[in-house]
């Protein structure tokens, strides 16, 4: 079976990650684990394929969770305080009228060539 470039990249990244773990923990056993992991994964191409697939599934799951977490944090830290501040200052930035039946604003405008030339 032939190696896919992405499989090799994944094995290299995971091997480096294990070696860095050994460097941070100051335990030489992690270097041996990294070496054995790399040799076994590169010697058995189907194993490298399954390691790559598993790693990508894990990355996808982490990305799904972190997306929700980051958007929640941004909403709580930025959007909610800005909304509260806007209400305190009494700004009506979306032109809402109190007591009106509709918020629709009629605009009778005939478009000309100049309207479409420089839209941005």
PDB file of N, CA and C in Angstrom:
ATOM      1  N   UNK A   1       0.847  -1.184   0.000  1.00  0.00           N
ATOM      2  CA  UNK A   1       0.000   0.000   0.000  1.00  0.00           C
ATOM      3  C   UNK A   1       0.887   1.240   0.000  1.00  0.00           C
ATOM      4  N   UNK A   2       0.505   2.200  -0.762  1.00  0.00           N
ATOM      5  CA  UNK A   2       1.278   3.427  -0.899  1.00  0.00           C
ATOM      6  C   UNK A   2       0.862   4.434   0.177  1.00  0.00           C
ATOM      7  N   UNK A   3       1.840   5.199   0.642  1.00  0.00           N
ATOM      8  CA  UNK A   3       1.571   6.233   1.638  1.00  0.00           C
ATOM      9  C   UNK A   3       0.936   7.445   1.006  1.00  0.00           C
ATOM     10  N   UNK A   4       0.012   8.003   1.695  1.00  0.00           N
ATOM     11  CA  UNK A   4      -0.578   9.279   1.312  1.00  0.00           C
ATOM     12  C   UNK A   4       0.219  10.363   2.041  1.00  0.00           C
ATOM     13  N   UNK A   5       0.424  11.470   1.400  1.00  0.00           N
ATOM     14  CA  UNK A   5       1.216  12.562   1.995  1.00  0.00           C
ATOM     15  C   UNK A   5       0.601  13.044   3.316  1.00  0.00           C
ATOM     16  N   UNK A   6      -0.731  13.117   3.359  1.00  0.00           N
ATOM     17  CA  UNK A   6      -1.419  13.579   4.567  1.00  0.00           C
ATOM     18  C   UNK A   6      -1.200  12.613   5.733  1.00  0.00           C
ATOM     19  N   UNK A   7      -1.148  11.320   5.433  1.00  0.00           N
ATOM     20  CA  UNK A   7      -0.911  10.333   6.492  1.00  0.00           C
ATOM     21  C   UNK A   7       0.474  10.533   7.103  1.00  0.00           C
ATOM     22  N   UNK A   8       1.451  10.749   6.254  1.00  0.00           N
ATOM     23  CA  UNK A   8       2.820  10.960   6.732  1.00  0.00           C
ATOM     24  C   UNK A   8       2.901  12.247   7.552  1.00  0.00           C
ATOM     25  N   UNK A   9       2.249  13.305   7.081  1.00  0.00           N
ATOM     26  CA  UNK A   9       2.258  14.565   7.833  1.00  0.00           C
ATOM     27  C   UNK A   9       1.658  14.384   9.217  1.00  0.00           C
ATOM     28  N   UNK A  10       0.559  13.646   9.298  1.00  0.00           N
ATOM     29  CA  UNK A  10      -0.078  13.404  10.593  1.00  0.00           C
ATOM     30  C   UNK A  10       0.850  12.621  11.523  1.00  0.00           C
ATOM     31  N   UNK A  11       1.507  11.599  11.003  1.00  0.00           N
ATOM     32  CA  UNK A  11       2.432  10.802  11.819  1.00  0.00           C
ATOM     33  C   UNK A  11       3.585  11.672  12.303  1.00  0.00           C
ATOM     34  N   UNK A  12       4.113  12.529  11.449  1.00  0.00           N
ATOM     35  CA  UNK A  12       5.220  13.409  11.842  1.00  0.00           C
ATOM     36  C   UNK A  12       4.777  14.379  12.929  1.00  0.00           C
ATOM     37  N   UNK A  13       3.606  14.964  12.763  1.00  0.00           N
ATOM     38  CA  UNK A  13       3.107  15.914  13.767  1.00  0.00           C
ATOM     39  C   UNK A  13       2.898  15.226  15.110  1.00  0.00           C
ATOM     40  N   UNK A  14       2.293  14.039  15.091  1.00  0.00           N
ATOM     41  CA  UNK A  14       2.065  13.327  16.350  1.00  0.00           C
ATOM     42  C   UNK A  14       3.378  12.885  16.991  1.00  0.00           C
ATOM     43  N   UNK A  15       4.345  12.480  16.179  1.00  0.00           N
ATOM     44  CA  UNK A  15       5.663  12.098  16.708  1.00  0.00           C
ATOM     45  C   UNK A  15       6.344  13.298  17.364  1.00  0.00           C
ATOM     46  N   UNK A  16       6.284  14.448  16.717  1.00  0.00           N
ATOM     47  CA  UNK A  16       6.874  15.660  17.299  1.00  0.00           C
ATOM     48  C   UNK A  16       6.146  16.048  18.577  1.00  0.00           C
ATOM     49  N   UNK A  17       4.824  15.899  18.591  1.00  0.00           N
ATOM     50  CA  UNK A  17       4.050  16.233  19.793  1.00  0.00           C
ATOM     51  C   UNK A  17       4.446  15.339  20.963  1.00  0.00           C
ATOM     52  N   UNK A  18       4.641  14.049  20.710  1.00  0.00           N
ATOM     53  CA  UNK A  18       5.064  13.135  21.772  1.00  0.00           C
ATOM     54  C   UNK A  18       6.467  13.494  22.241  1.00  0.00           C
ATOM     55  N   UNK A  19       7.361  13.845  21.315  1.00  0.00           N
ATOM     56  CA  UNK A  19       8.730  14.236  21.685  1.00  0.00           C
ATOM     57  C   UNK A  19       8.725  15.525  22.510  1.00  0.00           C
ATOM     58  N   UNK A  20       7.884  16.484  22.148  1.00  0.00           N
ATOM     59  CA  UNK A  20       7.778  17.729  22.915  1.00  0.00           C
ATOM     60  C   UNK A  20       7.238  17.443  24.310  1.00  0.00           C
ATOM     61  N   UNK A  21       6.297  16.512  24.402  1.00  0.00           N
ATOM     62  CA  UNK A  21       5.789  16.102  25.713  1.00  0.00           C
ATOM     63  C   UNK A  21       6.931  15.551  26.571  1.00  0.00           C
ATOM     64  N   UNK A  22       7.806  14.766  25.953  1.00  0.00           N
ATOM     65  CA  UNK A  22       8.972  14.251  26.670  1.00  0.00           C
ATOM     66  C   UNK A  22       9.919  15.361  27.093  1.00  0.00           C
ATOM     67  N   UNK A  23      10.062  16.370  26.257  1.00  0.00           N
ATOM     68  CA  UNK A  23      10.945  17.495  26.595  1.00  0.00           C
ATOM     69  C   UNK A  23      10.384  18.288  27.777  1.00  0.00           C
ATOM     70  N   UNK A  24       9.053  18.513  27.776  1.00  0.00           N
ATOM     71  CA  UNK A  24       8.447  19.264  28.878  1.00  0.00           C
ATOM     72  C   UNK A  24       8.437  18.473  30.190  1.00  0.00           C
ATOM     73  N   UNK A  25       8.212  17.175  30.107  1.00  0.00           N
ATOM     74  CA  UNK A  25       8.159  16.362  31.336  1.00  0.00           C
ATOM     75  C   UNK A  25       9.536  15.887  31.784  1.00  0.00           C
ATOM     76  N   UNK A  26      10.551  16.084  30.956  1.00  0.00           N
ATOM     77  CA  UNK A  26      11.932  15.667  31.253  1.00  0.00           C
ATOM     78  C   UNK A  26      12.044  14.148  31.464  1.00  0.00           C
ATOM     79  N   UNK A  27      11.190  13.399  30.777  1.00  0.00           N
ATOM     80  CA  UNK A  27      11.232  11.941  30.877  1.00  0.00           C
ATOM     81  C   UNK A  27      11.641  11.379  29.528  1.00  0.00           C
ATOM     82  N   UNK A  28      12.688  10.592  29.533  1.00  0.00           N
ATOM     83  CA  UNK A  28      13.242  10.057  28.289  1.00  0.00           C
ATOM     84  C   UNK A  28      12.350   8.976  27.670  1.00  0.00           C
ATOM     85  N   UNK A  29      11.462   8.397  28.453  1.00  0.00           N
ATOM     86  CA  UNK A  29      10.579   7.356  27.927  1.00  0.00           C
ATOM     87  C   UNK A  29       9.705   7.886  26.783  1.00  0.00           C
ATOM     88  N   UNK A  30       9.331   9.158  26.830  1.00  0.00           N
ATOM     89  CA  UNK A  30       8.493   9.728  25.775  1.00  0.00           C
ATOM     90  C   UNK A  30       9.226   9.765  24.443  1.00  0.00           C
ATOM     91  N   UNK A  31      10.550   9.941  24.476  1.00  0.00           N
ATOM     92  CA  UNK A  31      11.315   9.925  23.229  1.00  0.00           C
ATOM     93  C   UNK A  31      11.269   8.535  22.590  1.00  0.00           C
ATOM     94  N   UNK A  32      11.352   7.505  23.423  1.00  0.00           N
ATOM     95  CA  UNK A  32      11.266   6.137  22.920  1.00  0.00           C
ATOM     96  C   UNK A  32       9.867   5.851  22.366  1.00  0.00           C
ATOM     97  N   UNK A  33       8.863   6.352  23.070  1.00  0.00           N
ATOM     98  CA  UNK A  33       7.490   6.177  22.588  1.00  0.00           C
ATOM     99  C   UNK A  33       7.323   6.855  21.232  1.00  0.00           C
ATOM    100  N   UNK A  34       7.854   8.061  21.082  1.00  0.00           N
ATOM    101  CA  UNK A  34       7.764   8.788  19.816  1.00  0.00           C
ATOM    102  C   UNK A  34       8.474   8.025  18.698  1.00  0.00           C
ATOM    103  N   UNK A  35       9.655   7.514  18.990  1.00  0.00           N
ATOM    104  CA  UNK A  35      10.417   6.770  17.988  1.00  0.00           C
ATOM    105  C   UNK A  35       9.685   5.494  17.569  1.00  0.00           C
ATOM    106  N   UNK A  36       9.205   4.735  18.552  1.00  0.00           N
ATOM    107  CA  UNK A  36       8.493   3.489  18.249  1.00  0.00           C
ATOM    108  C   UNK A  36       7.203   3.795  17.483  1.00  0.00           C
ATOM    109  N   UNK A  37       6.477   4.835  17.908  1.00  0.00           N
ATOM    110  CA  UNK A  37       5.241   5.239  17.225  1.00  0.00           C
ATOM    111  C   UNK A  37       5.520   5.557  15.757  1.00  0.00           C
ATOM    112  N   UNK A  38       6.553   6.345  15.503  1.00  0.00           N
ATOM    113  CA  UNK A  38       6.877   6.742  14.134  1.00  0.00           C
ATOM    114  C   UNK A  38       7.281   5.539  13.294  1.00  0.00           C
ATOM    115  N   UNK A  39       8.129   4.673  13.841  1.00  0.00           N
ATOM    116  CA  UNK A  39       8.596   3.518  13.073  1.00  0.00           C
ATOM    117  C   UNK A  39       7.467   2.546  12.757  1.00  0.00           C
ATOM    118  N   UNK A  40       6.628   2.258  13.752  1.00  0.00           N
ATOM    119  CA  UNK A  40       5.520   1.324  13.520  1.00  0.00           C
ATOM    120  C   UNK A  40       4.519   1.920  12.533  1.00  0.00           C
ATOM    121  N   UNK A  41       4.189   3.187  12.709  1.00  0.00           N
ATOM    122  CA  UNK A  41       3.206   3.815  11.826  1.00  0.00           C
ATOM    123  C   UNK A  41       3.712   3.906  10.389  1.00  0.00           C
ATOM    124  N   UNK A  42       4.996   4.181  10.227  1.00  0.00           N
ATOM    125  CA  UNK A  42       5.541   4.288   8.872  1.00  0.00           C
ATOM    126  C   UNK A  42       5.832   2.916   8.250  1.00  0.00           C
ATOM    127  N   UNK A  43       6.024   1.896   9.087  1.00  0.00           N
ATOM    128  CA  UNK A  43       6.282   0.554   8.564  1.00  0.00           C
ATOM    129  C   UNK A  43       4.986  -0.132   8.124  1.00  0.00           C
ATOM    130  N   UNK A  44       3.866   0.278   8.710  1.00  0.00           N
ATOM    131  CA  UNK A  44       2.582  -0.345   8.388  1.00  0.00           C
ATOM    132  C   UNK A  44       1.658   0.749   7.831  1.00  0.00           C
ATOM    133  N   UNK A  45       1.612   0.906   6.501  1.00  0.00           N
ATOM    134  CA  UNK A  45       0.803   1.979   5.916  1.00  0.00           C
ATOM    135  C   UNK A  45      -0.682   1.966   6.310  1.00  0.00           C
ATOM    136  N   UNK A  46      -1.355   0.814   6.423  1.00  0.00           N
ATOM    137  CA  UNK A  46      -2.758   0.866   6.850  1.00  0.00           C
ATOM    138  C   UNK A  46      -2.925   1.438   8.256  1.00  0.00           C
ATOM    139  N   UNK A  47      -1.950   1.172   9.125  1.00  0.00           N
ATOM    140  CA  UNK A  47      -1.999   1.728  10.476  1.00  0.00           C
ATOM    141  C   UNK A  47      -1.872   3.246  10.426  1.00  0.00           C
ATOM    142  N   UNK A  48      -0.997   3.743   9.557  1.00  0.00           N
ATOM    143  CA  UNK A  48      -0.846   5.198   9.401  1.00  0.00           C
ATOM    144  C   UNK A  48      -2.147   5.814   8.901  1.00  0.00           C
ATOM    145  N   UNK A  49      -2.838   5.101   8.018  1.00  0.00           N
ATOM    146  CA  UNK A  49      -4.111   5.602   7.495  1.00  0.00           C
ATOM    147  C   UNK A  49      -5.135   5.713   8.624  1.00  0.00           C
ATOM    148  N   UNK A  50      -5.247   4.690   9.463  1.00  0.00           N
ATOM    149  CA  UNK A  50      -6.229   4.709  10.545  1.00  0.00           C
ATOM    150  C   UNK A  50      -5.863   5.718  11.630  1.00  0.00           C
ATOM    151  N   UNK A  51      -4.571   5.891  11.871  1.00  0.00           N
ATOM    152  CA  UNK A  51      -4.139   6.924  12.818  1.00  0.00           C
ATOM    153  C   UNK A  51      -4.531   8.295  12.284  1.00  0.00           C
ATOM    154  N   UNK A  52      -4.327   8.527  11.002  1.00  0.00           N
ATOM    155  CA  UNK A  52      -4.694   9.805  10.367  1.00  0.00           C
ATOM    156  C   UNK A  52      -6.205  10.034  10.465  1.00  0.00           C
ATOM    157  N   UNK A  53      -6.995   9.020  10.144  1.00  0.00           N
ATOM    158  CA  UNK A  53      -8.450   9.156  10.203  1.00  0.00           C
ATOM    159  C   UNK A  53      -8.899   9.449  11.629  1.00  0.00           C
ATOM    160  N   UNK A  54      -8.347   8.732  12.593  1.00  0.00           N
ATOM    161  CA  UNK A  54      -8.701   8.967  13.997  1.00  0.00           C
ATOM    162  C   UNK A  54      -8.320  10.362  14.467  1.00  0.00           C
ATOM    163  N   UNK A  55      -7.143  10.805  14.065  1.00  0.00           N
ATOM    164  CA  UNK A  55      -6.687  12.141  14.455  1.00  0.00           C
ATOM    165  C   UNK A  55      -7.569  13.224  13.838  1.00  0.00           C
ATOM    166  N   UNK A  56      -7.966  13.049  12.595  1.00  0.00           N
ATOM    167  CA  UNK A  56      -8.836  14.031  11.940  1.00  0.00           C
ATOM    168  C   UNK A  56     -10.229  14.060  12.577  1.00  0.00           C
ATOM    169  N   UNK A  57     -10.744  12.884  12.981  1.00  0.00           N
ATOM    170  CA  UNK A  57     -12.045  12.848  13.670  1.00  0.00           C
ATOM    171  C   UNK A  57     -11.948  13.562  15.016  1.00  0.00           C
ATOM    172  N   UNK A  58     -10.844  13.346  15.739  1.00  0.00           N
ATOM    173  CA  UNK A  58     -10.645  14.027  17.018  1.00  0.00           C
ATOM    174  C   UNK A  58     -10.543  15.537  16.803  1.00  0.00           C
ATOM    175  N   UNK A  59      -9.799  15.952  15.781  1.00  0.00           N
ATOM    176  CA  UNK A  59      -9.666  17.380  15.490  1.00  0.00           C
ATOM    177  C   UNK A  59     -11.006  17.989  15.111  1.00  0.00           C
ATOM    178  N   UNK A  60     -11.813  17.257  14.367  1.00  0.00           N
ATOM    179  CA  UNK A  60     -13.141  17.743  13.994  1.00  0.00           C
ATOM    180  C   UNK A  60     -14.024  17.909  15.224  1.00  0.00           C
ATOM    181  N   UNK A  61     -13.975  16.962  16.151  1.00  0.00           N
ATOM    182  CA  UNK A  61     -14.777  17.049  17.373  1.00  0.00           C
ATOM    183  C   UNK A  61     -14.317  18.225  18.239  1.00  0.00           C
ATOM    184  N   UNK A  62     -13.012  18.394  18.366  1.00  0.00           N
ATOM    185  CA  UNK A  62     -12.482  19.510  19.151  1.00  0.00           C
ATOM    186  C   UNK A  62     -12.869  20.833  18.496  1.00  0.00           C
ATOM    187  N   UNK A  63     -12.787  20.911  17.181  1.00  0.00           N
ATOM    188  CA  UNK A  63     -13.185  22.124  16.475  1.00  0.00           C
ATOM    189  C   UNK A  63     -14.656  22.440  16.663  1.00  0.00           C
ATOM    190  N   UNK A  64     -15.503  21.425  16.665  1.00  0.00           N
ATOM    191  CA  UNK A  64     -16.940  21.629  16.862  1.00  0.00           C
ATOM    192  C   UNK A  64     -17.206  22.207  18.244  1.00  0.00           C
ATOM    193  N   UNK A  65     -16.572  21.633  19.259  1.00  0.00           N
ATOM    194  CA  UNK A  65     -16.783  22.090  20.641  1.00  0.00           C
ATOM    195  C   UNK A  65     -16.192  23.485  20.833  1.00  0.00           C
ATOM    196  N   UNK A  66     -14.967  23.706  20.364  1.00  0.00           N
ATOM    197  CA  UNK A  66     -14.319  24.998  20.576  1.00  0.00           C
ATOM    198  C   UNK A  66     -15.039  26.115  19.827  1.00  0.00           C
ATOM    199  N   UNK A  67     -15.631  25.805  18.696  1.00  0.00           N
ATOM    200  CA  UNK A  67     -16.402  26.799  17.965  1.00  0.00           C
ATOM    201  C   UNK A  67     -17.547  27.310  18.836  1.00  0.00           C
ATOM    202  N   UNK A  68     -18.254  26.386  19.461  1.00  0.00           N
ATOM    203  CA  UNK A  68     -19.368  26.771  20.333  1.00  0.00           C
ATOM    204  C   UNK A  68     -18.865  27.558  21.543  1.00  0.00           C
ATOM    205  N   UNK A  69     -17.769  27.105  22.126  1.00  0.00           N
ATOM    206  CA  UNK A  69     -17.226  27.773  23.317  1.00  0.00           C
ATOM    207  C   UNK A  69     -16.773  29.193  22.973  1.00  0.00           C
ATOM    208  N   UNK A  70     -16.008  29.347  21.897  1.00  0.00           N
ATOM    209  CA  UNK A  70     -15.506  30.675  21.532  1.00  0.00           C
ATOM    210  C   UNK A  70     -16.628  31.634  21.166  1.00  0.00           C
ATOM    211  N   UNK A  71     -17.623  31.158  20.425  1.00  0.00           N
ATOM    212  CA  UNK A  71     -18.732  32.031  20.079  1.00  0.00           C
ATOM    213  C   UNK A  71     -19.529  32.436  21.322  1.00  0.00           C
ATOM    214  N   UNK A  72     -19.674  31.520  22.267  1.00  0.00           N
ATOM    215  CA  UNK A  72     -20.364  31.853  23.510  1.00  0.00           C
ATOM    216  C   UNK A  72     -19.588  32.887  24.303  1.00  0.00           C
ATOM    217  N   UNK A  73     -18.284  32.723  24.395  1.00  0.00           N
ATOM    218  CA  UNK A  73     -17.451  33.678  25.137  1.00  0.00           C
ATOM    219  C   UNK A  73     -17.504  35.055  24.476  1.00  0.00           C
ATOM    220  N   UNK A  74     -17.412  35.104  23.150  1.00  0.00           N
ATOM    221  CA  UNK A  74     -17.486  36.390  22.449  1.00  0.00           C
ATOM    222  C   UNK A  74     -18.844  37.039  22.682  1.00  0.00           C
ATOM    223  N   UNK A  75     -19.905  36.256  22.636  1.00  0.00           N
ATOM    224  CA  UNK A  75     -21.242  36.807  22.853  1.00  0.00           C
ATOM    225  C   UNK A  75     -21.368  37.377  24.260  1.00  0.00           C
ATOM    226  N   UNK A  76     -20.881  36.634  25.252  1.00  0.00           N
ATOM    227  CA  UNK A  76     -21.011  37.085  26.639  1.00  0.00           C
ATOM    228  C   UNK A  76     -20.123  38.288  26.927  1.00  0.00           C
ATOM    229  N   UNK A  77     -18.904  38.295  26.391  1.00  0.00           N
ATOM    230  CA  UNK A  77     -17.958  39.364  26.717  1.00  0.00           C
ATOM    231  C   UNK A  77     -18.167  40.622  25.876  1.00  0.00           C
ATOM    232  N   UNK A  78     -18.612  40.476  24.625  1.00  0.00           N
ATOM    233  CA  UNK A  78     -18.705  41.642  23.738  1.00  0.00           C
ATOM    234  C   UNK A  78     -20.151  42.043  23.446  1.00  0.00           C
ATOM    235  N   UNK A  79     -20.962  41.149  22.974  1.00  0.00           N
ATOM    236  CA  UNK A  79     -22.292  41.511  22.484  1.00  0.00           C
ATOM    237  C   UNK A  79     -23.228  41.915  23.621  1.00  0.00           C
ATOM    238  N   UNK A  80     -23.277  41.137  24.676  1.00  0.00           N
ATOM    239  CA  UNK A  80     -24.186  41.469  25.796  1.00  0.00           C
ATOM    240  C   UNK A  80     -23.823  42.808  26.435  1.00  0.00           C
ATOM    241  N   UNK A  81     -22.550  43.067  26.778  1.00  0.00           N
ATOM    242  CA  UNK A  81     -22.236  44.388  27.353  1.00  0.00           C
ATOM    243  C   UNK A  81     -22.537  45.547  26.400  1.00  0.00           C
ATOM    244  N   UNK A  82     -22.295  45.375  25.105  1.00  0.00           N
ATOM    245  CA  UNK A  82     -22.622  46.441  24.163  1.00  0.00           C
ATOM    246  C   UNK A  82     -24.132  46.681  24.095  1.00  0.00           C
ATOM    247  N   UNK A  83     -24.913  45.636  24.153  1.00  0.00           N
ATOM    248  CA  UNK A  83     -26.364  45.785  24.161  1.00  0.00           C
ATOM    249  C   UNK A  83     -26.854  46.495  25.404  1.00  0.00           C
ATOM    250  N   UNK A  84     -26.297  46.124  26.552  1.00  0.00           N
ATOM    251  CA  UNK A  84     -26.676  46.778  27.808  1.00  0.00           C
ATOM    252  C   UNK A  84     -26.269  48.244  27.778  1.00  0.00           C
ATOM    253  N   UNK A  85     -25.053  48.519  27.312  1.00  0.00           N
ATOM    254  CA  UNK A  85     -24.577  49.901  27.216  1.00  0.00           C
ATOM    255  C   UNK A  85     -25.449  50.720  26.263  1.00  0.00           C
ATOM    256  N   UNK A  86     -25.857  50.132  25.165  1.00  0.00           N
ATOM    257  CA  UNK A  86     -26.715  50.825  24.213  1.00  0.00           C
ATOM    258  C   UNK A  86     -28.072  51.151  24.830  1.00  0.00           C
ATOM    259  N   UNK A  87     -28.626  50.233  25.600  1.00  0.00           N
ATOM    260  CA  UNK A  87     -29.913  50.498  26.257  1.00  0.00           C
ATOM    261  C   UNK A  87     -29.780  51.586  27.316  1.00  0.00           C
ATOM    262  N   UNK A  88     -28.664  51.557  28.046  1.00  0.00           N
ATOM    263  CA  UNK A  88     -28.458  52.571  29.085  1.00  0.00           C
ATOM    264  C   UNK A  88     -28.338  53.955  28.463  1.00  0.00           C
ATOM    265  N   UNK A  89     -27.634  54.050  27.334  1.00  0.00           N
ATOM    266  CA  UNK A  89     -27.438  55.343  26.678  1.00  0.00           C
ATOM    267  C   UNK A  89     -28.680  55.781  25.900  1.00  0.00           C
ATOM    268  N   UNK A  90     -29.664  54.915  25.748  1.00  0.00           N
ATOM    269  CA  UNK A  90     -30.903  55.273  25.075  1.00  0.00           C
ATOM    270  C   UNK A  90     -30.796  55.339  23.568  1.00  0.00           C
ATOM    271  N   UNK A  91     -29.803  54.684  22.985  1.00  0.00           N
ATOM    272  CA  UNK A  91     -29.653  54.708  21.530  1.00  0.00           C
ATOM    273  C   UNK A  91     -30.692  53.817  20.879  1.00  0.00           C
ATOM    274  N   UNK A  92     -31.192  54.292  19.732  1.00  0.00           N
ATOM    275  CA  UNK A  92     -32.157  53.542  18.948  1.00  0.00           C
ATOM    276  C   UNK A  92     -31.549  53.350  17.560  1.00  0.00           C
ATOM    277  N   UNK A  93     -30.563  52.468  17.475  1.00  0.00           N
ATOM    278  CA  UNK A  93     -29.775  52.356  16.244  1.00  0.00           C
ATOM    279  C   UNK A  93     -30.514  51.648  15.111  1.00  0.00           C
ATOM    280  N   UNK A  94     -31.607  50.957  15.405  1.00  0.00           N
ATOM    281  CA  UNK A  94     -32.316  50.285  14.315  1.00  0.00           C
ATOM    282  C   UNK A  94     -33.648  50.962  14.002  1.00  0.00           C
ATOM    283  N   UNK A  95     -33.824  52.165  14.445  1.00  0.00           N
ATOM    284  CA  UNK A  95     -34.974  53.020  14.131  1.00  0.00           C
ATOM    285  C   UNK A  95     -36.313  52.385  14.478  1.00  0.00           C
ATOM    286  N   UNK A  96     -36.411  51.786  15.629  1.00  0.00           N
ATOM    287  CA  UNK A  96     -37.684  51.217  16.060  1.00  0.00           C
ATOM    288  C   UNK A  96     -38.577  52.325  16.591  1.00  0.00           C
ATOM    289  N   UNK A  97     -39.843  52.288  16.202  1.00  0.00           N
ATOM    290  CA  UNK A  97     -40.807  53.271  16.693  1.00  0.00           C
ATOM    291  C   UNK A  97     -41.692  52.598  17.717  1.00  0.00           C
ATOM    292  N   UNK A  98     -41.867  53.224  18.840  1.00  0.00           N
ATOM    293  CA  UNK A  98     -42.733  52.648  19.856  1.00  0.00           C
ATOM    294  C   UNK A  98     -44.189  52.859  19.468  1.00  0.00           C
ATOM    295  N   UNK A  99     -44.974  51.816  19.611  1.00  0.00           N
ATOM    296  CA  UNK A  99     -46.395  51.918  19.355  1.00  0.00           C
ATOM    297  C   UNK A  99     -46.788  51.816  17.899  1.00  0.00           C
ATOM    298  N   UNK A 100     -45.864  51.634  16.985  1.00  0.00           N
ATOM    299  CA  UNK A 100     -46.192  51.544  15.569  1.00  0.00           C
ATOM    300  C   UNK A 100     -46.631  50.140  15.194  1.00  0.00           C
ATOM    301  N   UNK A 101     -47.370  50.029  14.114  1.00  0.00           N
ATOM    302  CA  UNK A 101     -47.809  48.715  13.652  1.00  0.00           C
ATOM    303  C   UNK A 101     -46.724  47.985  12.885  1.00  0.00           C
ATOM    304  N   UNK A 102     -45.848  48.716  12.258  1.00  0.00           N
ATOM    305  CA  UNK A 102     -44.821  48.097  11.442  1.00  0.00           C
ATOM    306  C   UNK A 102     -43.536  48.916  11.522  1.00  0.00           C
ATOM    307  N   UNK A 103     -42.445  48.252  11.241  1.00  0.00           N
ATOM    308  CA  UNK A 103     -41.148  48.923  11.228  1.00  0.00           C
ATOM    309  C   UNK A 103     -40.667  49.142   9.797  1.00  0.00           C
ATOM    310  N   UNK A 104     -41.487  48.771   8.837  1.00  0.00           N
ATOM    311  CA  UNK A 104     -41.135  48.910   7.429  1.00  0.00           C
ATOM    312  C   UNK A 104     -41.149  50.379   7.027  1.00  0.00           C
ATOM    313  N   UNK A 105     -40.129  50.799   6.309  1.00  0.00           N
ATOM    314  CA  UNK A 105     -40.039  52.171   5.842  1.00  0.00           C
ATOM    315  C   UNK A 105     -40.143  52.164   4.321  1.00  0.00           C
ATOM    316  N   UNK A 106     -41.137  52.835   3.797  1.00  0.00           N
ATOM    317  CA  UNK A 106     -41.330  52.892   2.349  1.00  0.00           C
ATOM    318  C   UNK A 106     -40.321  53.842   1.742  1.00  0.00           C
ATOM    319  N   UNK A 107     -39.690  53.378   0.685  1.00  0.00           N
ATOM    320  CA  UNK A 107     -38.697  54.196   0.004  1.00  0.00           C
ATOM    321  C   UNK A 107     -38.984  54.155  -1.483  1.00  0.00           C
ATOM    322  N   UNK A 108     -39.572  55.198  -1.980  1.00  0.00           N
ATOM    323  CA  UNK A 108     -39.851  55.294  -3.412  1.00  0.00           C
ATOM    324  C   UNK A 108     -38.650  55.965  -4.072  1.00  0.00           C
ATOM    325  N   UNK A 109     -37.852  55.142  -4.711  1.00  0.00           N
ATOM    326  CA  UNK A 109     -36.637  55.660  -5.327  1.00  0.00           C
ATOM    327  C   UNK A 109     -36.492  55.035  -6.708  1.00  0.00           C
ATOM    328  N   UNK A 110     -36.254  55.832  -7.676  1.00  0.00           N
ATOM    329  CA  UNK A 110     -35.996  55.342  -9.022  1.00  0.00           C
ATOM    330  C   UNK A 110     -34.482  55.241  -9.190  1.00  0.00           C
ATOM    331  N   UNK A 111     -34.039  54.031  -9.465  1.00  0.00           N
ATOM    332  CA  UNK A 111     -32.608  53.811  -9.610  1.00  0.00           C
ATOM    333  C   UNK A 111     -32.117  54.359 -10.940  1.00  0.00           C
ATOM    334  N   UNK A 112     -30.926  54.942 -10.867  1.00  0.00           N
ATOM    335  CA  UNK A 112     -30.294  55.478 -12.069  1.00  0.00           C
ATOM    336  C   UNK A 112     -28.989  54.739 -12.317  1.00  0.00           C
ATOM    337  N   UNK A 113     -28.358  55.066 -13.395  1.00  0.00           N
ATOM    338  CA  UNK A 113     -27.083  54.449 -13.731  1.00  0.00           C
ATOM    339  C   UNK A 113     -26.028  54.762 -12.659  1.00  0.00           C
ATOM    340  N   UNK A 114     -26.070  55.936 -12.102  1.00  0.00           N
ATOM    341  CA  UNK A 114     -25.096  56.348 -11.080  1.00  0.00           C
ATOM    342  C   UNK A 114     -25.223  55.510  -9.812  1.00  0.00           C
ATOM    343  N   UNK A 115     -26.435  55.033  -9.495  1.00  0.00           N
ATOM    344  CA  UNK A 115     -26.624  54.192  -8.306  1.00  0.00           C
ATOM    345  C   UNK A 115     -25.890  52.867  -8.425  1.00  0.00           C
ATOM    346  N   UNK A 116     -25.727  52.372  -9.620  1.00  0.00           N
ATOM    347  CA  UNK A 116     -25.142  51.054  -9.833  1.00  0.00           C
ATOM    348  C   UNK A 116     -23.662  51.089 -10.205  1.00  0.00           C
ATOM    349  N   UNK A 117     -23.092  52.242 -10.437  1.00  0.00           N
ATOM    350  CA  UNK A 117     -21.694  52.328 -10.846  1.00  0.00           C
ATOM    351  C   UNK A 117     -20.719  52.119  -9.699  1.00  0.00           C
ATOM    352  N   UNK A 118     -20.950  52.740  -8.583  1.00  0.00           N
ATOM    353  CA  UNK A 118     -20.017  52.656  -7.469  1.00  0.00           C
ATOM    354  C   UNK A 118     -20.786  52.224  -6.212  1.00  0.00           C
ATOM    355  N   UNK A 119     -21.190  50.953  -6.184  1.00  0.00           N
ATOM    356  CA  UNK A 119     -22.019  50.460  -5.084  1.00  0.00           C
ATOM    357  C   UNK A 119     -21.247  50.319  -3.786  1.00  0.00           C
ATOM    358  N   UNK A 120     -19.938  50.054  -3.891  1.00  0.00           N
ATOM    359  CA  UNK A 120     -19.163  49.854  -2.682  1.00  0.00           C
ATOM    360  C   UNK A 120     -18.241  51.014  -2.481  1.00  0.00           C
TER     361      UNK A 120
END
